């Protein structure tokens, strides 16, 4: 079983981040409309200094309240974790048939930019409940991490672009403050999309050839998506098609939620396994601490574990 966490953590929510263009919430019964604010949750250790920042983009329909098994382990490892709630969250009720859905992929990326552009304000807001937190953060060391759709959103800040129907790359969404990232169970190339994905998710056409920022790609060996006609190798495209330096963690029996990373006993989880969740969380933390210049020992320990794991997981680098 995963080791219990003994480092004290604190979480602050919601903190509202200034942004525009996030659409409106329509209350049909009341006949009213109101803007949908961008809100985030900040989770941090109560001790420590020079803490790096990890901005996490959730998968489709989730929110800042999900992914506790990952976030707590990242904060315990010394990260200040910032989780925005994107427009596709269930709490906003924007489904595939809503005309606003077509632009949510862009708004997700804009959300991440807004978080990074207003990071000082977010930390100041957290200071109201965690006095002195902003002074303990090293804002020069920032990483973005995402799961599933959140992985594609995070990849855009690392340099990936979105191809249109003609195969032409779209605009560059990289952010200058991001120095590393991790993509968990993230969309592959769009040339094998199913008819459903082509109709409803045409933005699921990432171009990783321009994603030059260092990143860890995490893929499950049993992750079979209904959005692609390919098998689990689809989720390794971000590693194989992007320029170095990159690392790939493949978890042999992992499915799309990799043991339940969004939370314990949630309905999306098809391969409940707390040890697998801990592996994902600890691998991301170890990788980021390594590339951000904090600590190389945890990553070296993980590589040693991989060498004796009897194929349970493997690590590749380029």
Protein backbone atom coordinates (compact mmCIF):
# COMPACT_ATOMS: atom_id res chain seq x y z
CA UNK A 1 0.00 0.00 0.00
CA UNK A 2 1.13 3.60 -0.59
CA UNK A 3 3.00 5.17 2.27
CA UNK A 4 0.89 7.52 4.41
CA UNK A 5 1.66 11.21 4.08
CA UNK A 6 2.80 12.87 7.29
CA UNK A 7 3.65 16.37 6.04
CA UNK A 8 1.00 18.87 7.06
CA UNK A 9 -0.81 20.54 4.16
CA UNK A 10 -3.27 23.36 3.80
CA UNK A 11 -5.69 24.17 0.98
CA UNK A 12 -7.37 27.47 0.15
CA UNK A 13 -10.36 27.83 -2.19
CA UNK A 14 -11.89 29.46 -4.03
CA UNK A 15 -9.57 32.21 -5.21
CA UNK A 16 -10.94 34.14 -8.20
CA UNK A 17 -8.52 34.95 -11.01
CA UNK A 18 -9.08 37.94 -13.32
CA UNK A 19 -9.91 36.83 -16.85
CA UNK A 20 -12.28 37.59 -19.73
CA UNK A 21 -14.10 35.66 -22.41
CA UNK A 22 -15.17 32.68 -20.32
CA UNK A 23 -18.80 32.76 -21.44
CA UNK A 24 -21.91 33.03 -19.30
CA UNK A 25 -23.97 30.75 -17.11
CA UNK A 26 -27.61 30.63 -18.17
CA UNK A 27 -30.22 29.97 -15.48
CA UNK A 28 -33.19 28.94 -17.61
CA UNK A 29 -35.65 28.77 -14.71
CA UNK A 30 -34.82 32.28 -13.53
CA UNK A 31 -34.20 33.68 -16.98
CA UNK A 32 -30.84 35.17 -15.94
CA UNK A 33 -27.27 35.12 -17.17
CA UNK A 34 -24.05 35.74 -15.31
CA UNK A 35 -20.38 35.53 -16.09
CA UNK A 36 -18.49 32.38 -15.14
CA UNK A 37 -15.44 33.36 -13.07
CA UNK A 38 -12.17 31.48 -13.17
CA UNK A 39 -11.63 30.03 -9.71
CA UNK A 40 -8.67 28.08 -8.37
CA UNK A 41 -7.66 26.04 -5.37
CA UNK A 42 -4.19 26.32 -3.83
CA UNK A 43 -2.71 23.40 -1.88
CA UNK A 44 0.64 23.77 -0.15
CA UNK A 45 2.78 22.38 2.64
CA UNK A 46 2.62 24.43 5.85
CA UNK A 47 6.42 24.45 6.04
CA UNK A 48 9.35 24.84 3.66
CA UNK A 49 10.83 27.61 1.53
CA UNK A 50 11.73 28.06 -2.14
CA UNK A 51 8.70 25.97 -3.05
CA UNK A 52 8.19 25.37 -6.81
CA UNK A 53 4.75 25.89 -8.38
CA UNK A 54 2.73 23.18 -10.14
CA UNK A 55 -0.34 24.28 -12.13
CA UNK A 56 -2.66 21.34 -12.79
CA UNK A 57 -5.27 21.10 -15.57
CA UNK A 58 -8.03 18.58 -14.85
CA UNK A 59 -9.61 16.12 -17.25
CA UNK A 60 -13.00 16.61 -18.88
CA UNK A 61 -15.86 17.46 -16.48
CA UNK A 62 -13.72 17.62 -13.34
CA UNK A 63 -12.86 20.67 -11.23
CA UNK A 64 -10.42 22.10 -8.71
CA UNK A 65 -11.94 19.71 -6.15
CA UNK A 66 -10.74 16.55 -7.93
CA UNK A 67 -7.44 14.69 -8.08
CA UNK A 68 -6.82 14.80 -4.35
CA UNK A 69 -4.65 11.64 -4.40
CA UNK A 70 -2.23 13.39 -6.77
CA UNK A 71 -2.39 16.90 -5.36
CA UNK A 72 -1.78 15.90 -1.75
CA UNK A 73 1.30 13.88 -2.66
CA UNK A 74 2.65 16.73 -4.80
CA UNK A 75 2.16 19.24 -1.99
CA UNK A 76 3.77 16.81 0.46
CA UNK A 77 6.74 16.65 -1.93
CA UNK A 78 7.13 20.41 -1.63
CA UNK A 79 5.02 21.90 -4.44
CA UNK A 80 2.49 24.69 -4.26
CA UNK A 81 -0.29 23.25 -6.43
CA UNK A 82 -2.75 25.53 -8.22
CA UNK A 83 -5.89 23.90 -9.68
CA UNK A 84 -8.23 25.90 -11.91
CA UNK A 85 -11.80 24.82 -12.63
CA UNK A 86 -12.25 24.89 -16.41
CA UNK A 87 -15.53 25.63 -18.21
CA UNK A 88 -16.15 21.97 -19.05
CA UNK A 89 -16.55 21.15 -15.36
CA UNK A 90 -19.81 19.37 -14.58
CA UNK A 91 -20.74 22.20 -12.26
CA UNK A 92 -21.11 24.54 -15.25
CA UNK A 93 -23.42 22.26 -17.23
CA UNK A 94 -21.88 22.94 -20.65
CA UNK A 95 -22.37 19.76 -22.70
CA UNK A 96 -21.41 18.73 -26.21
CA UNK A 97 -24.60 20.25 -27.62
CA UNK A 98 -23.88 23.67 -26.12
CA UNK A 99 -22.51 26.18 -28.69
CA UNK A 100 -19.93 27.28 -26.12
CA UNK A 101 -18.34 23.83 -26.07
CA UNK A 102 -16.56 24.34 -29.40
CA UNK A 103 -14.26 27.00 -27.94
CA UNK A 104 -13.64 25.47 -24.50
CA UNK A 105 -10.29 24.03 -25.62
CA UNK A 106 -9.07 27.59 -26.22
CA UNK A 107 -10.55 28.88 -22.97
CA UNK A 108 -8.82 26.09 -21.07
CA UNK A 109 -5.47 27.29 -22.40
CA UNK A 110 -6.42 30.89 -21.60
CA UNK A 111 -7.27 29.77 -18.05
CA UNK A 112 -3.76 28.40 -17.59
CA UNK A 113 -2.25 31.59 -18.97
CA UNK A 114 -4.40 33.67 -16.61
CA UNK A 115 -3.27 31.60 -13.63
CA UNK A 116 0.38 32.10 -14.54
CA UNK A 117 -0.05 35.79 -15.37
CA UNK A 118 -1.77 36.40 -12.03
CA UNK A 119 0.28 34.01 -9.92
CA UNK A 120 1.36 36.77 -7.53
CA UNK A 121 -2.28 37.76 -6.96
CA UNK A 122 -3.25 34.12 -6.37
CA UNK A 123 -0.49 33.68 -3.80
CA UNK A 124 -1.43 36.97 -2.14
CA UNK A 125 -5.01 35.67 -1.89
CA UNK A 126 -3.75 32.48 -0.31
CA UNK A 127 -1.71 34.56 2.15
CA UNK A 128 -4.95 35.66 3.78
CA UNK A 129 -5.35 32.10 5.07
CA UNK A 130 -1.75 30.89 4.96
CA UNK A 131 0.29 33.88 6.18
CA UNK A 132 3.67 34.10 4.51
CA UNK A 133 3.02 31.52 1.79
CA UNK A 134 3.88 33.87 -1.08
CA UNK A 135 7.27 34.59 0.49
CA UNK A 136 8.01 30.84 0.58
CA UNK A 137 7.36 30.31 -3.15
CA UNK A 138 10.00 30.31 -5.87
CA UNK A 139 7.98 31.66 -8.81
CA UNK A 140 10.95 31.16 -11.13
CA UNK A 141 10.32 27.39 -11.03
CA UNK A 142 6.93 26.68 -12.57
CA UNK A 143 5.58 23.49 -14.12
CA UNK A 144 2.28 22.64 -15.81
CA UNK A 145 0.71 19.19 -15.51
CA UNK A 146 -2.51 17.82 -16.95
CA UNK A 147 -4.55 14.64 -17.23
CA UNK A 148 -6.41 13.60 -20.40
CA UNK A 149 -7.93 16.78 -21.91
CA UNK A 150 -5.95 18.66 -19.29
CA UNK A 151 -2.82 17.08 -20.72
CA UNK A 152 -3.52 18.56 -24.14
CA UNK A 153 -4.23 21.92 -22.48
CA UNK A 154 -0.93 21.79 -20.57
CA UNK A 155 0.93 20.64 -23.69
CA UNK A 156 -0.03 23.86 -25.44
CA UNK A 157 1.95 25.84 -22.85
CA UNK A 158 4.90 23.50 -23.44
CA UNK A 159 4.90 24.23 -27.17
CA UNK A 160 2.42 21.82 -28.76
CA UNK A 161 -0.01 23.28 -31.28
CA UNK A 162 -3.39 22.23 -32.67
CA UNK A 163 -3.71 21.23 -36.32
CA UNK A 164 -6.75 22.30 -38.34
CA UNK A 165 -8.60 20.00 -40.74
CA UNK A 166 -6.01 20.75 -43.44
CA UNK A 167 -3.14 19.86 -41.14
CA UNK A 168 -1.91 23.42 -40.63
CA UNK A 169 -0.58 24.19 -37.13
CA UNK A 170 -2.45 26.84 -35.16
CA UNK A 171 -1.04 29.56 -32.95
CA UNK A 172 1.74 29.22 -30.42
CA UNK A 173 0.42 29.14 -26.83
CA UNK A 174 3.71 28.66 -24.98
CA UNK A 175 4.13 30.57 -21.73
CA UNK A 176 7.54 32.03 -20.82
CA UNK A 177 7.32 31.16 -17.12
CA UNK A 178 6.85 27.42 -17.68
CA UNK A 179 10.12 25.48 -17.50
CA UNK A 180 8.84 21.88 -17.39
CA UNK A 181 5.69 19.79 -17.49
CA UNK A 182 4.06 16.39 -17.24
CA UNK A 183 1.34 14.96 -19.48
CA UNK A 184 -0.75 12.13 -18.04
CA UNK A 185 -2.84 9.93 -20.38
CA UNK A 186 -2.80 12.64 -23.01
CA UNK A 187 -4.32 12.62 -26.50
CA UNK A 188 -2.22 11.37 -29.41
CA UNK A 189 -2.21 12.62 -32.97
CA UNK A 190 -5.54 13.20 -34.66
CA UNK A 191 -5.16 11.11 -37.81
CA UNK A 192 -6.97 8.14 -36.22
CA UNK A 193 -9.88 9.88 -34.53
CA UNK A 194 -13.20 8.04 -34.44
CA UNK A 195 -16.24 9.59 -36.17
CA UNK A 196 -17.57 10.76 -32.77
CA UNK A 197 -14.31 12.56 -31.98
CA UNK A 198 -14.12 14.10 -35.44
CA UNK A 199 -17.62 15.52 -35.02
CA UNK A 200 -17.46 16.72 -31.43
CA UNK A 201 -13.74 17.11 -30.63
CA UNK A 202 -12.04 18.41 -33.80
CA UNK A 203 -9.42 20.19 -31.66
CA UNK A 204 -8.07 16.78 -30.64
CA UNK A 205 -5.32 17.13 -33.24
CA UNK A 206 -2.17 18.03 -31.31
CA UNK A 207 1.10 18.68 -33.11
CA UNK A 208 3.91 17.69 -30.75
CA UNK A 209 6.78 18.41 -33.13
CA UNK A 210 7.12 21.92 -31.65
CA UNK A 211 6.82 20.87 -27.98
CA UNK A 212 10.42 21.56 -26.99
CA UNK A 213 9.96 22.24 -23.26
CA UNK A 214 11.20 19.34 -21.07
CA UNK A 215 8.33 17.04 -20.11
CA UNK A 216 7.42 13.67 -18.67
CA UNK A 217 4.77 11.67 -20.53
CA UNK A 218 2.81 9.13 -18.47
CA UNK A 219 0.89 6.42 -20.35
CA UNK A 220 -1.05 3.31 -19.40
CA UNK A 221 -0.38 0.08 -21.24
CA UNK A 222 -4.12 -0.78 -21.15
CA UNK A 223 -5.47 2.70 -21.92
CA UNK A 224 -7.80 2.20 -24.90
CA UNK A 225 -9.63 5.34 -25.94
CA UNK A 226 -13.03 5.49 -27.62
CA UNK A 227 -11.71 8.63 -29.37
CA UNK A 228 -9.07 6.83 -31.46
CA UNK A 229 -8.90 3.70 -33.58
CA UNK A 230 -5.40 3.06 -32.23
CA UNK A 231 -4.52 1.26 -29.06
CA UNK A 232 -2.63 2.34 -25.92
CA UNK A 233 0.38 3.50 -27.96
CA UNK A 234 -1.74 6.52 -28.99
CA UNK A 235 -1.03 7.99 -25.57
CA UNK A 236 2.74 7.86 -26.14
CA UNK A 237 2.73 10.21 -29.16
CA UNK A 238 3.61 13.22 -26.99
CA UNK A 239 6.87 11.45 -26.17
CA UNK A 240 7.76 9.92 -29.51
CA UNK A 241 6.84 12.88 -31.73
CA UNK A 242 8.25 15.74 -29.66
CA UNK A 243 11.88 16.89 -29.58
CA UNK A 244 14.18 15.99 -26.69
CA UNK A 245 14.54 16.23 -23.78
CA UNK A 246 11.59 14.03 -22.84
CA UNK A 247 10.93 11.05 -20.57
CA UNK A 248 8.24 8.39 -20.79
CA UNK A 249 6.74 6.43 -17.91
CA UNK A 250 4.68 3.47 -19.13
CA UNK A 251 2.57 1.65 -16.55
CA UNK A 252 1.85 -1.78 -17.99
CA UNK A 253 -1.62 -2.43 -16.52
CA UNK A 254 -2.72 1.21 -16.29
CA UNK A 255 -5.99 2.33 -17.85
CA UNK A 256 -7.09 5.91 -18.46
CA UNK A 257 -7.44 6.88 -14.80
CA UNK A 258 -4.24 5.02 -13.88
CA UNK A 259 -5.63 3.46 -10.73
CA UNK A 260 -7.95 6.30 -9.73
CA UNK A 261 -5.94 9.51 -9.88
CA UNK A 262 -9.06 11.71 -9.87
CA UNK A 263 -10.20 10.40 -6.49
CA UNK A 264 -11.03 7.33 -4.50
CA UNK A 265 -13.86 5.12 -5.80
CA UNK A 266 -15.03 7.60 -8.47
CA UNK A 267 -17.21 6.22 -11.24
CA UNK A 268 -14.71 6.86 -14.06
CA UNK A 269 -12.11 4.59 -12.45
CA UNK A 270 -11.87 1.23 -14.18
CA UNK A 271 -8.62 0.00 -12.62
CA UNK A 272 -8.76 0.95 -8.93
CA UNK A 273 -5.25 0.65 -7.52
CA UNK A 274 -3.91 3.04 -4.83
CA UNK A 275 -0.34 1.89 -5.42
CA UNK A 276 -0.63 2.82 -9.11
CA UNK A 277 -1.96 6.26 -8.16
CA UNK A 278 0.96 6.77 -5.79
CA UNK A 279 3.37 5.75 -8.54
CA UNK A 280 1.96 8.37 -10.92
CA UNK A 281 2.03 11.10 -8.27
CA UNK A 282 5.52 10.28 -7.05
CA UNK A 283 6.91 9.93 -10.58
CA UNK A 284 5.65 13.36 -11.61
CA UNK A 285 7.04 14.92 -8.42
CA UNK A 286 10.38 13.16 -8.80
CA UNK A 287 10.70 14.18 -12.44
CA UNK A 288 9.87 17.82 -11.78
CA UNK A 289 12.17 18.06 -8.78
CA UNK A 290 14.92 16.66 -10.98
CA UNK A 291 14.49 18.99 -13.97
CA UNK A 292 13.75 22.05 -11.82
CA UNK A 293 17.09 21.58 -10.09
CA UNK A 294 15.78 20.62 -6.67
CA UNK A 295 16.62 16.98 -6.06
CA UNK A 296 17.80 14.20 -8.38
CA UNK A 297 17.67 11.37 -5.85
CA UNK A 298 13.93 10.66 -6.09
CA UNK A 299 14.11 10.25 -9.87
CA UNK A 300 17.15 8.02 -9.59
CA UNK A 301 15.31 5.90 -7.02
CA UNK A 302 12.37 5.59 -9.43
CA UNK A 303 14.64 4.46 -12.25
CA UNK A 304 16.07 1.82 -9.92
CA UNK A 305 12.56 0.66 -9.04
CA UNK A 306 11.72 0.40 -12.75
CA UNK A 307 14.72 -1.86 -13.34
CA UNK A 308 13.40 -4.40 -10.80
CA UNK A 309 9.68 -3.95 -11.37
CA UNK A 310 9.31 -7.13 -13.48
CA UNK A 311 7.67 -5.11 -16.23
CA UNK A 312 5.07 -3.39 -14.04
CA UNK A 313 6.37 -0.04 -15.29
CA UNK A 314 9.18 1.20 -17.45
CA UNK A 315 11.03 4.45 -18.09
CA UNK A 316 12.43 5.69 -21.39
CA UNK A 317 14.39 8.87 -22.05
CA UNK A 318 15.61 10.88 -25.01
